[in-house]
Amino acid sequence: MQSAMSQSQRSVLEAEELKPVLKASVNDVRYIVALLRGINFSNRASVTLSADAGIIVTGDEARTLLATSYIYSDHFDEWTYAADIPRPALSQFSAPDVDPSSVSFDIPLNVLIECLNIYGTPSISMGGSGPSHKKWRREADRSEDERYEERRDGRQQTRGASHVPASNRIDQYFGGGSDKRTRMRLSYGGIGHPLTLWLAEDSSGPTTTCEIMTFDPDPITELPFDGDRTLLRIIFKSSSWLRDALSEFDPSCEKITFIANPVSEAGRAQRGRPIKPLFRIMAFGAFGSTEMDYPNDREVLETFECSRFVAASYRFTHMTHTLRALQNSTKTSLRIDDEGLLSLQFLVPVPKPRGGQSDSFIEFRCLALDEEVAS
């Protein structure tokens, strides 16, 4: 009897050890992919799992650019987080605001996106978010997502519209449905375990299981933004007003400069000086410079707050990293503090599994170029 009891206790302990930290599922991975693609510019990204915050994915470049994508737990149809699992003890080197119930690891972000896109993921629709007449748009400028959607539409027409749903475990798990979309089930066993994805397009088709190796997390670049030191705050009514401007600049540009003046001073000329712009973006390259001015129009700049003259420059390549986030967002917030630290926040609406809508965010923070800040 004593031996049987010991064996039972060992089985319970083994089951607890195998209990995954996270189990989650979603019926449509398009919005998850959009949030991940928005920060996919580095080889490796840091992932933090938390019961309260959900999934936070962070990437950086040259310790001067930090990008963070927030994937909240209510974006998923199922979310089970085991916050009581033992974790490594906090040390004197741990950040003071670290959630003791959170788990972090590094992952090759491009591999994760490729796995989620294994059946093809059309771009999400941001209809109605932009102005009726969009400026600064090149006719031949189409994204990879737009090209893929055209190919996918042609493939679906070839297949035909008929679809016979099957009553099996896949349908029972995902809730059925005949529309073509990639469903995902995700699990993470804890430190040292891979991130496991189970993917299916529909119940009558194939399923795919992916295991992505995880790594110990590297220290994350800290670029704290103090809202009390903000000199410039802008909210673009549509992200297209900034996206189209950045897309229009020559890719060979080396730096980009944001210039702003208070509303009370904008439009006024001083002796020997040109009229002060409200908000201007200038790009500089080997072939000269290009500038674009924004009007004091609530249909363009929903919010404009500038306490004094601001001019700050950044690497142009860092700004081009934001284009995917701009493409999948509806609104954009731009802030610059008194040291030139730039904060760009992109609003990405995500539908809730049980109806309604939840807002998610992608944020970029970027240090200004040395000696390129004036205020």
Protein backbone atom coordinates (compact mmCIF):
# COMPACT_ATOMS: atom_id res chain seq x y z
CA MET A 1 0.00 0.00 0.00
CA GLN A 2 2.84 2.37 0.88
CA SER A 3 4.55 1.69 -2.47
CA ALA A 4 1.32 2.33 -4.40
CA MET A 5 0.77 5.60 -2.53
CA SER A 6 4.28 6.76 -3.36
CA GLN A 7 3.75 5.92 -7.01
CA SER A 8 0.49 7.90 -7.00
CA GLN A 9 2.20 10.90 -5.41
CA ARG A 10 4.97 10.79 -8.00
CA SER A 11 2.35 10.73 -10.78
CA VAL A 12 0.66 13.81 -9.32
CA LEU A 13 3.97 15.64 -9.05
CA GLU A 14 4.91 14.72 -12.62
CA ALA A 15 1.51 15.93 -13.87
CA GLU A 16 2.01 19.25 -12.07
CA GLU A 17 5.46 19.63 -13.61
CA LEU A 18 4.04 18.98 -17.09
CA LYS A 19 1.24 21.48 -16.59
CA PRO A 20 1.82 24.16 -19.24
CA VAL A 21 2.29 27.77 -18.23
CA LEU A 22 -0.01 28.91 -21.03
CA LYS A 23 -2.71 27.35 -23.17
CA ALA A 24 -4.56 29.61 -25.60
CA SER A 25 -6.54 29.35 -28.81
CA VAL A 26 -7.89 31.74 -31.42
CA ASN A 27 -10.23 31.17 -34.37
CA ASP A 28 -8.53 33.68 -36.66
CA VAL A 29 -4.81 34.40 -36.48
CA ARG A 30 -4.91 37.43 -38.82
CA TYR A 31 -4.98 39.97 -35.99
CA ILE A 32 -2.25 38.17 -34.05
CA VAL A 33 -0.09 38.11 -37.18
CA ALA A 34 -0.72 41.82 -37.79
CA LEU A 35 0.42 42.69 -34.26
CA LEU A 36 3.57 40.58 -34.67
CA ARG A 37 4.42 41.79 -38.16
CA GLY A 38 4.31 45.36 -36.94
CA ILE A 39 7.55 44.83 -34.97
CA ASN A 40 9.24 42.21 -37.15
CA PHE A 41 12.53 43.95 -37.93
CA SER A 42 15.04 42.07 -35.72
CA ASN A 43 16.15 38.43 -35.73
CA ARG A 44 15.01 37.74 -32.18
CA ALA A 45 12.25 39.16 -30.01
CA SER A 46 11.54 38.95 -26.30
CA VAL A 47 8.19 37.47 -25.22
CA THR A 48 6.67 38.06 -21.78
CA LEU A 49 3.64 36.09 -20.62
CA SER A 50 1.49 37.44 -17.83
CA ALA A 51 -1.92 36.71 -16.37
CA ASP A 52 -2.86 40.40 -16.44
CA ALA A 53 -1.07 41.77 -19.51
CA GLY A 54 -1.40 38.75 -21.81
CA ILE A 55 1.49 38.47 -24.29
CA ILE A 56 3.98 41.30 -24.70
CA VAL A 57 6.45 40.97 -27.59
CA THR A 58 9.43 43.33 -27.75
CA GLY A 59 12.18 43.88 -30.28
CA ASP A 60 15.02 46.39 -30.43
CA GLU A 61 17.74 47.57 -32.78
CA ALA A 62 21.12 49.03 -31.89
CA ARG A 63 19.77 49.94 -28.43
CA THR A 64 18.23 53.06 -29.96
CA LEU A 65 14.91 51.67 -31.24
CA LEU A 66 12.45 49.73 -29.11
CA ALA A 67 9.21 48.23 -30.46
CA THR A 68 6.52 46.57 -28.35
CA SER A 69 3.35 44.76 -29.39
CA TYR A 70 0.56 44.07 -26.88
CA ILE A 71 -1.55 40.95 -27.43
CA TYR A 72 -4.12 40.92 -24.64
CA SER A 73 -5.73 37.80 -23.23
CA ASP A 74 -9.20 38.86 -24.40
CA HIS A 75 -8.01 38.57 -28.01
CA PHE A 76 -8.12 34.78 -27.59
CA ASP A 77 -11.11 32.43 -27.56
CA GLU A 78 -9.41 30.42 -24.82
CA TRP A 79 -6.82 31.69 -22.35
CA THR A 80 -5.50 29.60 -19.47
CA TYR A 81 -2.47 30.93 -17.62
CA ALA A 82 -0.98 28.98 -14.72
CA ALA A 83 0.35 31.81 -12.58
CA ASP A 84 1.16 29.51 -9.64
CA ILE A 85 3.92 27.60 -11.45
CA PRO A 86 7.35 27.87 -9.75
CA ARG A 87 9.75 30.25 -11.47
CA PRO A 88 13.37 31.26 -10.98
CA ALA A 89 13.88 33.44 -7.92
CA LEU A 90 14.27 37.18 -8.50
CA SER A 91 17.80 38.50 -8.07
CA GLN A 92 19.36 41.90 -7.38
CA PHE A 93 19.67 42.32 -11.15
CA SER A 94 15.93 41.90 -11.77
CA ALA A 95 13.97 44.98 -12.76
CA PRO A 96 12.03 46.44 -9.80
CA ASP A 97 8.71 46.43 -11.66
CA VAL A 98 8.93 42.80 -12.87
CA ASP A 99 5.75 40.82 -12.27
CA PRO A 100 6.84 37.76 -10.23
CA SER A 101 4.10 35.71 -11.94
CA SER A 102 5.33 36.53 -15.45
CA VAL A 103 7.52 34.36 -17.67
CA SER A 104 9.92 35.67 -20.33
CA PHE A 105 11.84 34.06 -23.16
CA ASP A 106 13.34 34.99 -26.50
CA ILE A 107 12.12 33.62 -29.81
CA PRO A 108 12.95 34.02 -33.53
CA LEU A 109 10.01 36.24 -34.44
CA ASN A 110 10.17 35.64 -38.19
CA VAL A 111 9.88 31.88 -37.59
CA LEU A 112 6.80 32.40 -35.43
CA ILE A 113 5.16 34.56 -38.12
CA GLU A 114 5.97 32.04 -40.86
CA CYS A 115 4.38 29.26 -38.81
CA LEU A 116 1.21 31.31 -38.21
CA ASN A 117 1.09 32.08 -41.93
CA ILE A 118 1.60 28.49 -43.05
CA TYR A 119 -1.86 28.36 -44.65
CA GLY A 120 -1.71 31.94 -45.85
CA THR A 121 -3.06 34.89 -43.88
CA PRO A 122 -4.83 37.69 -45.79
CA SER A 123 -4.43 41.19 -44.44
CA ILE A 124 -6.93 42.56 -41.97
CA SER A 125 -9.34 45.21 -43.20
CA MET A 126 -9.15 48.72 -41.79
CA GLY A 127 -12.07 49.99 -43.83
CA GLY A 128 -13.38 53.40 -42.99
CA SER A 129 -10.28 54.41 -41.08
CA GLY A 130 -8.75 56.67 -43.69
CA PRO A 131 -9.80 59.86 -45.42
CA SER A 132 -11.94 59.73 -48.55
CA HIS A 133 -9.15 61.25 -50.62
CA LYS A 134 -5.70 59.93 -49.68
CA LYS A 135 -2.67 61.98 -50.64
CA TRP A 136 0.93 60.90 -51.08
CA ARG A 137 -0.11 57.45 -52.34
CA ARG A 138 1.84 55.75 -55.09
CA GLU A 139 -0.23 53.77 -57.56
CA ALA A 140 2.24 50.89 -57.76
CA ASP A 141 2.81 50.75 -54.00
CA ARG A 142 1.16 47.53 -52.91
CA SER A 143 2.07 45.48 -49.86
CA GLU A 144 2.88 41.79 -49.78
CA ASP A 145 -0.43 41.23 -47.99
CA GLU A 146 -2.37 42.94 -50.81
CA ARG A 147 -0.60 40.86 -53.47
CA TYR A 148 -1.27 37.71 -51.52
CA GLU A 149 -4.96 38.55 -51.15
CA GLU A 150 -5.30 38.82 -54.93
CA ARG A 151 -3.71 35.40 -55.39
CA ARG A 152 -5.85 33.94 -52.64
CA ASP A 153 -9.08 35.28 -54.17
CA GLY A 154 -8.20 33.63 -57.46
CA ARG A 155 -7.48 30.34 -55.72
CA GLN A 156 -10.79 30.40 -53.86
CA GLN A 157 -12.70 31.01 -57.10
CA THR A 158 -10.99 27.96 -58.58
CA ARG A 159 -11.98 25.83 -55.62
CA GLY A 160 -15.62 26.86 -55.81
CA ALA A 161 -17.94 28.06 -53.10
CA SER A 162 -19.20 24.72 -51.83
CA HIS A 163 -17.88 23.49 -48.53
CA VAL A 164 -19.04 20.54 -46.45
CA PRO A 165 -18.21 20.96 -42.78
CA ALA A 166 -17.17 17.87 -40.85
CA SER A 167 -18.19 17.07 -37.30
CA ASN A 168 -14.92 16.11 -35.66
CA ARG A 169 -12.73 17.29 -32.85
CA ILE A 170 -11.39 20.22 -34.84
CA ASP A 171 -14.87 21.64 -35.40
CA GLN A 172 -15.83 20.98 -31.80
CA TYR A 173 -12.75 22.81 -30.58
CA PHE A 174 -12.93 25.77 -32.94
CA GLY A 175 -16.70 26.08 -33.10
CA GLY A 176 -17.15 25.07 -36.74
CA GLY A 177 -17.67 27.54 -39.57
CA SER A 178 -17.12 27.26 -43.29
CA ASP A 179 -15.09 30.42 -43.87
CA LYS A 180 -11.44 30.04 -44.72
CA ARG A 181 -9.26 31.17 -41.85
CA THR A 182 -6.37 29.77 -39.87
CA ARG A 183 -7.20 28.57 -36.38
CA MET A 184 -4.47 28.21 -33.77
CA ARG A 185 -3.97 26.48 -30.48
CA LEU A 186 -0.88 27.57 -28.54
CA SER A 187 0.88 26.11 -25.52
CA TYR A 188 4.05 26.85 -23.59
CA GLY A 189 5.39 24.41 -21.01
CA GLY A 190 7.72 26.76 -19.17
CA ILE A 191 11.41 27.68 -19.05
CA GLY A 192 13.40 25.49 -21.42
CA HIS A 193 10.34 24.25 -23.31
CA PRO A 194 9.49 25.11 -26.93
CA LEU A 195 6.51 27.20 -27.95
CA THR A 196 4.05 24.77 -29.53
CA LEU A 197 1.51 25.80 -32.16
CA TRP A 198 -1.29 23.63 -33.55
CA LEU A 199 -2.77 25.12 -36.74
CA ALA A 200 -5.66 24.21 -39.05
CA GLU A 201 -7.46 25.99 -41.86
CA ASP A 202 -10.65 23.92 -41.74
CA SER A 203 -11.78 20.56 -40.39
CA SER A 204 -11.59 18.79 -43.75
CA GLY A 205 -8.02 19.87 -44.46
CA PRO A 206 -4.60 19.14 -42.98
CA THR A 207 -3.38 20.20 -39.55
CA THR A 208 0.11 21.36 -38.66
CA THR A 209 2.03 21.21 -35.39
CA CYS A 210 5.04 23.51 -34.96
CA GLU A 211 7.53 23.54 -32.11
CA ILE A 212 9.63 26.72 -31.95
CA MET A 213 12.77 26.70 -29.84
CA THR A 214 12.87 29.34 -27.09
CA PHE A 215 15.95 30.96 -25.55
CA ASP A 216 16.85 32.58 -22.27
CA PRO A 217 15.84 36.25 -22.46
CA ASP A 218 18.49 38.90 -23.11
CA PRO A 219 18.26 42.22 -21.25
CA ILE A 220 15.72 44.52 -22.92
CA THR A 221 16.65 48.07 -23.88
CA GLU A 222 15.06 50.54 -21.48
CA LEU A 223 13.72 53.71 -23.12
CA PRO A 224 11.26 55.12 -20.54
CA PHE A 225 9.04 57.94 -21.76
CA ASP A 226 8.02 60.51 -19.13
CA GLY A 227 4.69 62.03 -20.09
CA ASP A 228 5.34 65.07 -17.86
CA ARG A 229 8.28 66.06 -20.09
CA THR A 230 6.33 65.88 -23.36
CA LEU A 231 6.87 68.87 -25.66
CA LEU A 232 4.87 67.64 -28.66
CA ARG A 233 1.78 65.45 -28.77
CA ILE A 234 -0.09 64.66 -31.99
CA ILE A 235 -2.87 62.20 -32.75
CA PHE A 236 -3.40 61.56 -36.45
CA LYS A 237 -7.08 60.96 -37.14
CA SER A 238 -6.02 58.28 -39.60
CA SER A 239 -2.70 56.45 -39.64
CA SER A 240 -2.67 56.87 -43.42
CA TRP A 241 -1.72 60.56 -43.01
CA LEU A 242 1.66 59.50 -41.59
CA ARG A 243 2.03 56.22 -43.48
CA ASP A 244 1.61 57.81 -46.92
CA ALA A 245 4.11 60.54 -46.07
CA LEU A 246 6.78 58.06 -44.96
CA SER A 247 6.12 55.89 -48.01
CA GLU A 248 6.65 58.84 -50.33
CA PHE A 249 10.17 59.65 -49.14
CA ASP A 250 13.10 58.26 -51.10
CA PRO A 251 14.41 55.02 -49.50
CA SER A 252 17.97 56.34 -49.77
CA CYS A 253 17.27 59.04 -47.16
CA GLU A 254 19.54 58.96 -44.15
CA LYS A 255 17.62 60.92 -41.56
CA ILE A 256 14.17 62.30 -40.90
CA THR A 257 13.33 65.41 -38.89
CA PHE A 258 10.10 66.37 -37.13
CA ILE A 259 9.53 70.10 -36.67
CA ALA A 260 6.63 71.67 -34.76
CA ASN A 261 5.59 75.09 -33.49
CA PRO A 262 2.84 76.13 -31.08
CA VAL A 263 -0.48 76.95 -32.75
CA SER A 264 -0.14 80.59 -31.67
CA GLU A 265 3.14 80.95 -33.60
CA ALA A 266 2.49 78.73 -36.63
CA GLY A 267 1.86 80.55 -39.89
CA ARG A 268 3.65 83.70 -38.77
CA ALA A 269 6.79 84.95 -40.50
CA GLN A 270 9.62 86.80 -38.82
CA ARG A 271 12.05 89.24 -40.41
CA GLY A 272 14.38 87.34 -42.71
CA ARG A 273 12.80 84.00 -41.82
CA PRO A 274 10.14 81.90 -43.62
CA ILE A 275 6.70 81.18 -42.21
CA LYS A 276 6.77 78.82 -39.25
CA PRO A 277 5.09 75.47 -39.99
CA LEU A 278 2.62 73.90 -37.60
CA PHE A 279 4.06 70.43 -38.15
CA ARG A 280 6.63 69.50 -40.78
CA ILE A 281 8.40 66.27 -41.71
CA MET A 282 11.72 66.61 -43.53
CA ALA A 283 13.79 63.79 -45.01
CA PHE A 284 17.45 64.23 -45.96
CA GLY A 285 19.47 62.09 -48.34
CA ALA A 286 22.31 62.11 -50.85
CA PHE A 287 20.06 63.69 -53.51
CA GLY A 288 18.69 66.52 -51.40
CA SER A 289 15.81 66.97 -48.99
CA THR A 290 12.03 66.60 -49.09
CA GLU A 291 9.55 68.24 -46.75
CA MET A 292 5.84 67.83 -46.08
CA ASP A 293 3.70 70.23 -44.05
CA TYR A 294 0.52 69.34 -42.18
CA PRO A 295 -2.36 71.82 -41.85
CA ASN A 296 -4.18 72.79 -38.69
CA ASP A 297 -7.14 70.62 -39.66
CA ARG A 298 -9.03 68.33 -37.26
CA GLU A 299 -9.68 65.92 -40.14
CA VAL A 300 -5.92 65.37 -40.33
CA LEU A 301 -4.52 66.12 -36.86
CA GLU A 302 -7.18 65.14 -34.36
CA THR A 303 -5.02 66.42 -31.50
CA PHE A 304 -2.13 68.87 -31.65
CA GLU A 305 -0.36 70.05 -28.50
CA CYS A 306 2.99 71.84 -28.70
CA SER A 307 4.35 73.90 -25.81
CA ARG A 308 7.33 75.39 -27.69
CA PHE A 309 9.39 75.00 -30.84
CA VAL A 310 10.51 71.39 -31.36
CA ALA A 311 12.95 69.91 -33.88
CA ALA A 312 14.34 66.38 -33.56
CA SER A 313 16.01 64.05 -36.08
CA TYR A 314 16.09 60.26 -36.29
CA ARG A 315 17.52 57.58 -38.52
CA PHE A 316 15.30 57.14 -41.54
CA THR A 317 15.66 53.34 -41.45
CA HIS A 318 14.18 53.34 -37.96
CA MET A 319 11.10 55.17 -39.22
CA THR A 320 10.62 52.74 -42.12
CA HIS A 321 10.35 49.93 -39.55
CA THR A 322 7.01 51.44 -38.50
CA LEU A 323 5.33 51.10 -41.91
CA ARG A 324 3.78 47.68 -41.23
CA ALA A 325 2.35 48.89 -37.94
CA LEU A 326 0.99 51.97 -39.69
CA GLN A 327 -0.63 49.82 -42.37
CA ASN A 328 -2.61 47.77 -39.84
CA SER A 329 -3.57 50.61 -37.48
CA THR A 330 -6.40 53.12 -37.50
CA LYS A 331 -4.90 55.97 -35.45
CA THR A 332 -1.39 57.05 -34.57
CA SER A 333 -0.09 59.01 -31.60
CA LEU A 334 3.24 60.85 -31.91
CA ARG A 335 5.02 62.28 -28.87
CA ILE A 336 8.45 63.87 -28.37
CA ASP A 337 9.93 64.76 -24.99
CA ASP A 338 12.48 67.45 -24.07
CA GLU A 339 15.41 65.12 -24.85
CA GLY A 340 14.08 64.14 -28.26
CA LEU A 341 12.85 60.66 -27.31
CA LEU A 342 10.15 59.75 -29.82
CA SER A 343 7.11 57.66 -28.93
CA LEU A 344 4.84 56.36 -31.69
CA GLN A 345 1.73 54.45 -30.63
CA PHE A 346 -0.44 52.68 -33.19
CA LEU A 347 -4.04 51.72 -32.40
CA VAL A 348 -4.98 48.30 -33.80
CA PRO A 349 -8.63 47.25 -33.27
CA VAL A 350 -9.10 43.53 -32.60
CA PRO A 351 -12.55 41.86 -32.45
CA LYS A 352 -13.39 39.99 -29.26
CA PRO A 353 -14.21 36.28 -29.68
CA ARG A 354 -17.67 36.73 -28.14
CA GLY A 355 -18.55 39.97 -29.89
CA GLY A 356 -17.50 43.55 -29.52
CA GLN A 357 -14.08 45.07 -30.08
CA SER A 358 -10.90 45.38 -28.09
CA ASP A 359 -8.15 47.89 -28.85
CA SER A 360 -4.55 46.77 -28.96
CA PHE A 361 -1.37 48.79 -29.41
CA ILE A 362 2.01 48.69 -31.06
CA GLU A 363 4.51 51.18 -29.69
CA PHE A 364 7.86 52.35 -31.06
CA ARG A 365 10.32 54.40 -29.03
CA CYS A 366 13.37 55.90 -30.71
CA LEU A 367 16.32 57.96 -29.51
CA ALA A 368 17.10 61.13 -31.43
CA LEU A 369 20.38 61.55 -33.26
CA ASP A 370 23.08 63.26 -31.22
CA GLU A 371 23.06 67.05 -31.50
CA GLU A 372 19.92 66.90 -33.62
CA VAL A 373 17.46 68.12 -30.98
CA ALA A 374 16.28 71.72 -30.61
CA SER A 375 13.59 73.16 -28.41
